[in-house]
């Protein structure tokens, strides 16, 4: 199963982590060589790279993030890898924000960020500008996070995070991010369902986790899913994953194991078995014959 980021940071003392109700701030360090992980997040989040290089793959985009750069990721699944710098260290800061936090944020600050429905487009990922002032704000949050034990200190940390978000969204070049975050506060069951499934069908997570990403109970999710797609979630996911696998087999240099991993199959043998059942060919035969 894919790793849930929130559970990872809550369960470890290895990284400096600050949990503030609908916010989580985390400092991640790695001294390993280049590593690759399949992850998912129940909250939207921003990644700020400090040392090394971060590579992120979503279903439709690939990013390489250098030190001093930032990327917003809509809640969902992705493949991440990090490459340490010359000092054998990778470091990034992560800020997780729930749907409710964003709703409250824009409601409180609508005089600063008025909503424009015509320009609200949801993106699964958005790069954004990290200037010197933002770097200073990140350092301030980092300093506070190491000592935020009392209620007073945690409230100060929340104010710092709010200041950070206001600054990010006030930078003119970050208008796409601002419009995306505002669009995420608009609730529509069918739109949310479609976005979650089309963006995350390669995630190796339980059905209840897909329901959580869509903001629904499991029973409500199944009901809306079958009404919208006219099939069961399990059948739809298998069909989408096999379609994606066929595209990767014919358009990339990935080996069969990598394709099984990226498409959300439990293991190579399971992938090979269901692939042959549905196409009549093994993945290797399909790749050699270029049958798409």
Foldseek 3Di string as FASTA:
>chain_A
DAAEVVCVVVVDPPWLWDDQPQKIKIKDKDLDAKDKGKYFYLFKKKKAWAFFWKWKAWPPDIDIDHHQWMKIAGGAIIMMITHGDPVSMTIMMMMTGHLVRLLVLCVVVCVPVPADVVLQDADRMDIFHRDPVLVVLVVVLVVLSVPQDDPVSSVVSVVSVSVNVSVRCVPPRNVNVSSNSVNSNDDDQVVLLVVRCVGHLQAQDDLQSSCSSSVHGSVVSQVSCCVVVVDGPVVVSVVVLLVQLLCCLAPHPDDQQVSCNRSNHPGSVRVQVVNCVPPVDGSVVSSVVVPD
